[in-house]
Amino acid sequence: MKNGSATMFMYSEIFSGKGLNETISFLNYYFSEKIERSVKKIFIFSDNCFAQMKSRCLWFYYKFIVETNIFEEINLIYLIPGHSYLDNDRDFGIIEKSRKNIHKINLPSEWVNLVKNERKKNPFRVVFVNFP
């Protein structure tokens, strides 16, 4: 949110689902590859999806990365149900609006290109996960 950039993790559901393992894998990748080592305090804004964002395993993961001194502090902020209009909600709306103008998408790479090219100013960064 600080610099207006957004990273989208995209993958075919042939490889995996939309559960806790994927959530932790993507967070771990993002924390280790995309956040500068000088950052010590993280704020995570989330909706109230119990299966993905309120899992005990996810909280253990957060605890682990704090106890291993990757970050000093992680602040979890759960928004009120029905009022969670975050920047990423607007981003998904922009993508959906463009998708409606396309008759058919045949390949996962076409989705990646659609998302990458959607914003001209400060384009989305896409991590295309193409393996199990």
N, C-alpha and C. Protein backbone atom coordinates (compact mmCIF):
# COMPACT_ATOMS: atom_id res chain seq x y z
N MET A 1 0.83 -1.20 0.00
CA MET A 1 0.00 0.00 0.00
C MET A 1 0.87 1.26 0.00
N LYS A 2 2.06 1.14 0.56
CA LYS A 2 2.94 2.29 0.69
C LYS A 2 3.27 2.93 -0.66
N ASN A 3 3.59 2.10 -1.65
CA ASN A 3 4.00 2.65 -2.94
C ASN A 3 2.98 2.40 -4.06
N GLY A 4 1.83 1.87 -3.74
CA GLY A 4 0.77 1.66 -4.73
C GLY A 4 0.99 0.47 -5.64
N SER A 5 1.98 -0.35 -5.35
CA SER A 5 2.22 -1.51 -6.20
C SER A 5 1.41 -2.70 -5.70
N ALA A 6 1.21 -3.64 -6.59
CA ALA A 6 0.47 -4.85 -6.22
C ALA A 6 1.13 -6.05 -6.88
N THR A 7 1.26 -7.11 -6.13
CA THR A 7 1.78 -8.37 -6.66
C THR A 7 0.64 -9.37 -6.68
N MET A 8 0.44 -9.98 -7.83
CA MET A 8 -0.61 -10.97 -8.00
C MET A 8 0.03 -12.34 -8.17
N PHE A 9 -0.40 -13.30 -7.36
CA PHE A 9 0.03 -14.68 -7.52
C PHE A 9 -1.04 -15.39 -8.33
N MET A 10 -0.63 -15.94 -9.46
CA MET A 10 -1.60 -16.58 -10.34
C MET A 10 -1.15 -18.01 -10.63
N TYR A 11 -2.12 -18.91 -10.63
CA TYR A 11 -1.83 -20.30 -10.94
C TYR A 11 -3.10 -20.97 -11.39
N SER A 12 -2.93 -22.05 -12.10
CA SER A 12 -4.07 -22.83 -12.54
C SER A 12 -4.52 -23.72 -11.39
N GLU A 13 -5.80 -23.86 -11.21
CA GLU A 13 -6.29 -24.73 -10.15
C GLU A 13 -6.10 -26.21 -10.49
N ILE A 14 -5.51 -26.48 -11.64
CA ILE A 14 -5.08 -27.84 -11.95
C ILE A 14 -3.98 -28.24 -10.97
N PHE A 15 -3.13 -27.28 -10.62
CA PHE A 15 -1.98 -27.54 -9.76
C PHE A 15 -2.33 -27.54 -8.28
N SER A 16 -3.27 -26.71 -7.91
CA SER A 16 -3.56 -26.56 -6.49
C SER A 16 -4.90 -25.89 -6.29
N GLY A 17 -5.32 -25.81 -5.03
CA GLY A 17 -6.59 -25.18 -4.70
C GLY A 17 -6.40 -23.75 -4.21
N LYS A 18 -7.32 -23.30 -3.37
CA LYS A 18 -7.25 -21.95 -2.82
C LYS A 18 -7.26 -22.01 -1.30
N GLY A 19 -6.43 -22.85 -0.76
CA GLY A 19 -6.48 -23.07 0.68
C GLY A 19 -5.31 -22.50 1.44
N LEU A 20 -5.16 -23.02 2.63
CA LEU A 20 -4.16 -22.54 3.58
C LEU A 20 -2.73 -22.76 3.09
N ASN A 21 -2.44 -23.90 2.50
CA ASN A 21 -1.08 -24.17 2.01
C ASN A 21 -0.65 -23.12 0.98
N GLU A 22 -1.55 -22.79 0.08
CA GLU A 22 -1.23 -21.78 -0.93
C GLU A 22 -1.02 -20.42 -0.28
N THR A 23 -1.88 -20.07 0.67
CA THR A 23 -1.76 -18.78 1.34
C THR A 23 -0.41 -18.65 2.03
N ILE A 24 -0.02 -19.65 2.79
CA ILE A 24 1.27 -19.60 3.50
C ILE A 24 2.43 -19.61 2.50
N SER A 25 2.34 -20.41 1.45
CA SER A 25 3.42 -20.43 0.45
C SER A 25 3.61 -19.07 -0.20
N PHE A 26 2.51 -18.42 -0.57
CA PHE A 26 2.61 -17.12 -1.21
C PHE A 26 3.13 -16.06 -0.25
N LEU A 27 2.64 -16.08 1.00
CA LEU A 27 3.16 -15.13 2.00
C LEU A 27 4.65 -15.34 2.23
N ASN A 28 5.05 -16.59 2.35
CA ASN A 28 6.46 -16.89 2.60
C ASN A 28 7.33 -16.40 1.44
N TYR A 29 6.89 -16.65 0.22
CA TYR A 29 7.63 -16.16 -0.95
C TYR A 29 7.72 -14.64 -0.92
N TYR A 30 6.58 -13.99 -0.69
CA TYR A 30 6.55 -12.53 -0.70
C TYR A 30 7.44 -11.94 0.39
N PHE A 31 7.34 -12.49 1.59
CA PHE A 31 8.16 -11.99 2.70
C PHE A 31 9.65 -12.18 2.43
N SER A 32 10.02 -13.31 1.84
CA SER A 32 11.44 -13.59 1.66
C SER A 32 12.03 -12.96 0.39
N GLU A 33 11.20 -12.75 -0.64
CA GLU A 33 11.72 -12.27 -1.92
C GLU A 33 11.39 -10.81 -2.24
N LYS A 34 10.32 -10.28 -1.69
CA LYS A 34 9.84 -8.97 -2.13
C LYS A 34 9.96 -7.86 -1.08
N ILE A 35 10.16 -8.23 0.17
CA ILE A 35 10.23 -7.21 1.22
C ILE A 35 11.68 -7.02 1.62
N GLU A 36 12.10 -5.77 1.70
CA GLU A 36 13.48 -5.45 2.07
C GLU A 36 13.78 -5.95 3.48
N ARG A 37 15.00 -6.37 3.68
CA ARG A 37 15.43 -6.92 4.98
C ARG A 37 15.36 -5.88 6.09
N SER A 38 15.38 -4.60 5.73
CA SER A 38 15.33 -3.55 6.75
C SER A 38 13.93 -3.40 7.37
N VAL A 39 12.90 -3.94 6.72
CA VAL A 39 11.54 -3.85 7.24
C VAL A 39 11.41 -4.81 8.42
N LYS A 40 10.96 -4.28 9.54
CA LYS A 40 10.83 -5.11 10.74
C LYS A 40 9.41 -5.20 11.27
N LYS A 41 8.53 -4.33 10.78
CA LYS A 41 7.13 -4.33 11.24
C LYS A 41 6.22 -4.47 10.03
N ILE A 42 5.32 -5.45 10.09
CA ILE A 42 4.40 -5.74 8.99
C ILE A 42 2.96 -5.54 9.48
N PHE A 43 2.14 -4.92 8.63
CA PHE A 43 0.71 -4.81 8.87
C PHE A 43 0.00 -5.62 7.78
N ILE A 44 -0.83 -6.55 8.19
CA ILE A 44 -1.57 -7.39 7.26
C ILE A 44 -3.06 -7.08 7.42
N PHE A 45 -3.66 -6.54 6.35
CA PHE A 45 -5.08 -6.26 6.34
C PHE A 45 -5.77 -7.42 5.64
N SER A 46 -6.80 -7.94 6.25
CA SER A 46 -7.43 -9.13 5.70
C SER A 46 -8.94 -9.09 5.85
N ASP A 47 -9.59 -9.85 4.96
CA ASP A 47 -11.01 -10.06 5.15
C ASP A 47 -11.16 -11.16 6.21
N ASN A 48 -12.36 -11.59 6.45
CA ASN A 48 -12.62 -12.55 7.53
C ASN A 48 -12.77 -13.98 7.03
N CYS A 49 -12.06 -14.33 5.97
CA CYS A 49 -12.11 -15.69 5.45
C CYS A 49 -11.45 -16.63 6.45
N PHE A 50 -12.26 -17.44 7.10
CA PHE A 50 -11.76 -18.28 8.18
C PHE A 50 -10.77 -19.32 7.67
N ALA A 51 -11.09 -19.99 6.56
CA ALA A 51 -10.25 -21.09 6.07
C ALA A 51 -8.85 -20.63 5.68
N GLN A 52 -8.74 -19.43 5.12
CA GLN A 52 -7.44 -18.97 4.64
C GLN A 52 -6.74 -18.02 5.61
N MET A 53 -7.45 -17.10 6.21
CA MET A 53 -6.78 -16.03 6.94
C MET A 53 -6.91 -16.09 8.46
N LYS A 54 -7.70 -17.00 8.99
CA LYS A 54 -7.86 -17.10 10.44
C LYS A 54 -7.49 -18.49 10.95
N SER A 55 -6.67 -19.18 10.19
CA SER A 55 -6.29 -20.52 10.56
C SER A 55 -5.22 -20.52 11.64
N ARG A 56 -5.29 -21.48 12.51
CA ARG A 56 -4.28 -21.64 13.56
C ARG A 56 -2.89 -21.85 12.94
N CYS A 57 -2.83 -22.60 11.85
CA CYS A 57 -1.54 -22.86 11.18
C CYS A 57 -0.93 -21.56 10.65
N LEU A 58 -1.76 -20.68 10.13
CA LEU A 58 -1.26 -19.39 9.65
C LEU A 58 -0.72 -18.57 10.81
N TRP A 59 -1.42 -18.58 11.93
CA TRP A 59 -0.93 -17.86 13.11
C TRP A 59 0.39 -18.45 13.60
N PHE A 60 0.54 -19.78 13.54
CA PHE A 60 1.83 -20.41 13.90
C PHE A 60 2.93 -19.96 12.95
N TYR A 61 2.59 -19.82 11.67
CA TYR A 61 3.57 -19.33 10.70
C TYR A 61 4.02 -17.92 11.07
N TYR A 62 3.06 -17.05 11.37
CA TYR A 62 3.41 -15.68 11.78
C TYR A 62 4.29 -15.71 13.03
N LYS A 63 3.94 -16.54 13.98
CA LYS A 63 4.72 -16.66 15.21
C LYS A 63 6.14 -17.11 14.89
N PHE A 64 6.27 -18.08 13.99
CA PHE A 64 7.58 -18.58 13.60
C PHE A 64 8.46 -17.48 13.01
N ILE A 65 7.90 -16.69 12.09
CA ILE A 65 8.75 -15.68 11.45
C ILE A 65 9.11 -14.54 12.38
N VAL A 66 8.31 -14.33 13.43
CA VAL A 66 8.69 -13.34 14.44
C VAL A 66 9.75 -13.93 15.37
N GLU A 67 9.56 -15.17 15.80
CA GLU A 67 10.51 -15.80 16.72
C GLU A 67 11.87 -16.05 16.07
N THR A 68 11.91 -16.19 14.75
CA THR A 68 13.19 -16.39 14.06
C THR A 68 13.78 -15.07 13.59
N ASN A 69 13.22 -13.95 14.07
CA ASN A 69 13.74 -12.60 13.82
C ASN A 69 13.72 -12.18 12.36
N ILE A 70 12.82 -12.75 11.59
CA ILE A 70 12.64 -12.26 10.23
C ILE A 70 11.95 -10.90 10.29
N PHE A 71 10.93 -10.81 11.14
CA PHE A 71 10.27 -9.54 11.46
C PHE A 71 10.17 -9.43 12.97
N GLU A 72 10.12 -8.21 13.46
CA GLU A 72 9.97 -8.02 14.89
C GLU A 72 8.51 -8.04 15.31
N GLU A 73 7.65 -7.63 14.40
CA GLU A 73 6.23 -7.49 14.75
C GLU A 73 5.36 -7.69 13.52
N ILE A 74 4.27 -8.41 13.70
CA ILE A 74 3.26 -8.57 12.66
C ILE A 74 1.92 -8.16 13.26
N ASN A 75 1.28 -7.21 12.63
CA ASN A 75 -0.03 -6.73 13.08
C ASN A 75 -1.10 -7.23 12.12
N LEU A 76 -2.03 -8.00 12.64
CA LEU A 76 -3.14 -8.52 11.84
C LEU A 76 -4.35 -7.63 12.05
N ILE A 77 -4.91 -7.16 10.96
CA ILE A 77 -6.09 -6.30 11.03
C ILE A 77 -7.19 -6.93 10.20
N TYR A 78 -8.23 -7.42 10.88
CA TYR A 78 -9.36 -8.04 10.20
C TYR A 78 -10.46 -7.00 10.06
N LEU A 79 -10.88 -6.79 8.84
CA LEU A 79 -11.89 -5.77 8.58
C LEU A 79 -13.28 -6.30 8.90
N ILE A 80 -14.19 -5.39 9.15
CA ILE A 80 -15.57 -5.74 9.46
C ILE A 80 -16.20 -6.40 8.25
N PRO A 81 -16.86 -7.56 8.42
CA PRO A 81 -17.48 -8.23 7.27
C PRO A 81 -18.43 -7.29 6.52
N GLY A 82 -18.32 -7.33 5.20
CA GLY A 82 -19.17 -6.48 4.36
C GLY A 82 -18.61 -5.10 4.13
N HIS A 83 -17.51 -4.77 4.82
CA HIS A 83 -16.92 -3.44 4.68
C HIS A 83 -15.44 -3.52 4.33
N SER A 84 -15.04 -4.59 3.68
CA SER A 84 -13.62 -4.80 3.42
C SER A 84 -13.24 -4.38 2.01
N TYR A 85 -13.45 -3.12 1.68
CA TYR A 85 -13.10 -2.63 0.37
C TYR A 85 -11.67 -2.09 0.40
N LEU A 86 -10.74 -3.01 0.24
CA LEU A 86 -9.33 -2.66 0.23
C LEU A 86 -8.90 -2.30 -1.19
N ASP A 87 -7.66 -1.81 -1.30
CA ASP A 87 -7.12 -1.50 -2.62
C ASP A 87 -7.15 -2.71 -3.53
N ASN A 88 -6.88 -3.89 -2.97
CA ASN A 88 -6.87 -5.08 -3.82
C ASN A 88 -8.26 -5.40 -4.36
N ASP A 89 -9.32 -5.04 -3.65
CA ASP A 89 -10.68 -5.24 -4.17
C ASP A 89 -10.88 -4.39 -5.43
N ARG A 90 -10.37 -3.16 -5.39
CA ARG A 90 -10.45 -2.29 -6.57
C ARG A 90 -9.62 -2.86 -7.72
N ASP A 91 -8.44 -3.42 -7.38
CA ASP A 91 -7.58 -4.02 -8.40
C ASP A 91 -8.30 -5.17 -9.10
N PHE A 92 -8.96 -6.03 -8.33
CA PHE A 92 -9.69 -7.14 -8.93
C PHE A 92 -10.85 -6.63 -9.77
N GLY A 93 -11.46 -5.53 -9.37
CA GLY A 93 -12.54 -4.93 -10.15
C GLY A 93 -12.04 -4.43 -11.50
N ILE A 94 -10.85 -3.83 -11.52
CA ILE A 94 -10.25 -3.35 -12.77
C ILE A 94 -9.99 -4.52 -13.71
N ILE A 95 -9.45 -5.60 -13.16
CA ILE A 95 -9.15 -6.79 -13.97
C ILE A 95 -10.45 -7.39 -14.52
N GLU A 96 -11.46 -7.50 -13.67
CA GLU A 96 -12.73 -8.09 -14.10
C GLU A 96 -13.38 -7.26 -15.20
N LYS A 97 -13.26 -5.95 -15.10
CA LYS A 97 -13.84 -5.08 -16.12
C LYS A 97 -13.17 -5.34 -17.48
N SER A 98 -11.85 -5.50 -17.50
CA SER A 98 -11.15 -5.81 -18.75
C SER A 98 -11.49 -7.19 -19.27
N ARG A 99 -11.64 -8.14 -18.36
CA ARG A 99 -11.93 -9.50 -18.77
C ARG A 99 -13.26 -9.58 -19.51
N LYS A 100 -14.20 -8.74 -19.14
CA LYS A 100 -15.51 -8.76 -19.80
C LYS A 100 -15.41 -8.34 -21.26
N ASN A 101 -14.36 -7.61 -21.61
CA ASN A 101 -14.18 -7.17 -23.00
C ASN A 101 -13.50 -8.22 -23.87
N ILE A 102 -13.08 -9.32 -23.27
CA ILE A 102 -12.41 -10.39 -24.01
C ILE A 102 -13.38 -11.55 -24.15
N HIS A 103 -13.53 -12.01 -25.38
CA HIS A 103 -14.50 -13.08 -25.64
C HIS A 103 -14.10 -14.39 -24.98
N LYS A 104 -12.83 -14.79 -25.14
CA LYS A 104 -12.42 -16.09 -24.63
C LYS A 104 -10.93 -16.05 -24.28
N ILE A 105 -10.59 -16.65 -23.15
CA ILE A 105 -9.19 -16.82 -22.76
C ILE A 105 -8.91 -18.31 -22.76
N ASN A 106 -7.91 -18.71 -23.55
CA ASN A 106 -7.64 -20.13 -23.74
C ASN A 106 -6.50 -20.67 -22.88
N LEU A 107 -5.51 -19.84 -22.61
CA LEU A 107 -4.30 -20.30 -21.92
C LEU A 107 -4.07 -19.52 -20.64
N PRO A 108 -3.50 -20.16 -19.62
CA PRO A 108 -3.17 -19.43 -18.39
C PRO A 108 -2.25 -18.23 -18.66
N SER A 109 -1.36 -18.35 -19.63
CA SER A 109 -0.45 -17.23 -19.93
C SER A 109 -1.22 -16.01 -20.43
N GLU A 110 -2.38 -16.21 -21.06
CA GLU A 110 -3.20 -15.09 -21.50
C GLU A 110 -3.77 -14.32 -20.30
N TRP A 111 -4.13 -15.06 -19.24
CA TRP A 111 -4.57 -14.41 -18.01
C TRP A 111 -3.44 -13.57 -17.43
N VAL A 112 -2.25 -14.15 -17.40
CA VAL A 112 -1.08 -13.44 -16.86
C VAL A 112 -0.86 -12.15 -17.64
N ASN A 113 -0.90 -12.22 -18.95
CA ASN A 113 -0.70 -11.02 -19.78
C ASN A 113 -1.80 -10.00 -19.57
N LEU A 114 -3.02 -10.46 -19.43
CA LEU A 114 -4.13 -9.54 -19.17
C LEU A 114 -3.88 -8.75 -17.89
N VAL A 115 -3.49 -9.44 -16.83
CA VAL A 115 -3.27 -8.78 -15.54
C VAL A 115 -2.04 -7.88 -15.60
N LYS A 116 -0.96 -8.36 -16.19
CA LYS A 116 0.28 -7.57 -16.28
C LYS A 116 0.06 -6.26 -17.02
N ASN A 117 -0.76 -6.29 -18.05
CA ASN A 117 -0.93 -5.12 -18.91
C ASN A 117 -2.12 -4.25 -18.53
N GLU A 118 -2.80 -4.58 -17.44
CA GLU A 118 -4.02 -3.86 -17.10
C GLU A 118 -3.77 -2.42 -16.67
N ARG A 119 -2.82 -2.23 -15.80
CA ARG A 119 -2.53 -0.86 -15.33
C ARG A 119 -1.31 -0.33 -16.07
N LYS A 120 -1.46 0.81 -16.70
CA LYS A 120 -0.34 1.43 -17.41
C LYS A 120 0.62 2.08 -16.43
N LYS A 121 0.06 2.80 -15.47
CA LYS A 121 0.89 3.43 -14.44
C LYS A 121 1.00 2.43 -13.28
N ASN A 122 2.21 2.13 -12.88
CA ASN A 122 2.45 1.21 -11.77
C ASN A 122 1.79 -0.15 -12.03
N PRO A 123 2.21 -0.86 -13.08
CA PRO A 123 1.56 -2.12 -13.45
C PRO A 123 1.65 -3.19 -12.36
N PHE A 124 0.71 -4.11 -12.42
CA PHE A 124 0.72 -5.23 -11.48
C PHE A 124 1.96 -6.09 -11.71
N ARG A 125 2.55 -6.55 -10.63
CA ARG A 125 3.62 -7.55 -10.73
C ARG A 125 2.93 -8.90 -10.59
N VAL A 126 3.24 -9.80 -11.51
CA VAL A 126 2.59 -11.10 -11.52
C VAL A 126 3.63 -12.19 -11.26
N VAL A 127 3.34 -13.03 -10.27
CA VAL A 127 4.12 -14.23 -10.03
C VAL A 127 3.26 -15.38 -10.55
N PHE A 128 3.67 -15.94 -11.68
CA PHE A 128 2.90 -17.03 -12.28
C PHE A 128 3.47 -18.34 -11.76
N VAL A 129 2.70 -19.00 -10.91
CA VAL A 129 3.10 -20.27 -10.32
C VAL A 129 2.63 -21.36 -11.27
N ASN A 130 3.58 -21.98 -11.97
CA ASN A 130 3.18 -22.97 -12.98
C ASN A 130 3.70 -24.36 -12.67
N PHE A 131 3.75 -24.68 -11.40
CA PHE A 131 4.15 -26.03 -11.00
C PHE A 131 3.39 -26.41 -9.74
N PRO A 132 3.27 -27.72 -9.49
CA PRO A 132 2.52 -28.16 -8.30
C PRO A 132 3.18 -27.72 -7.00
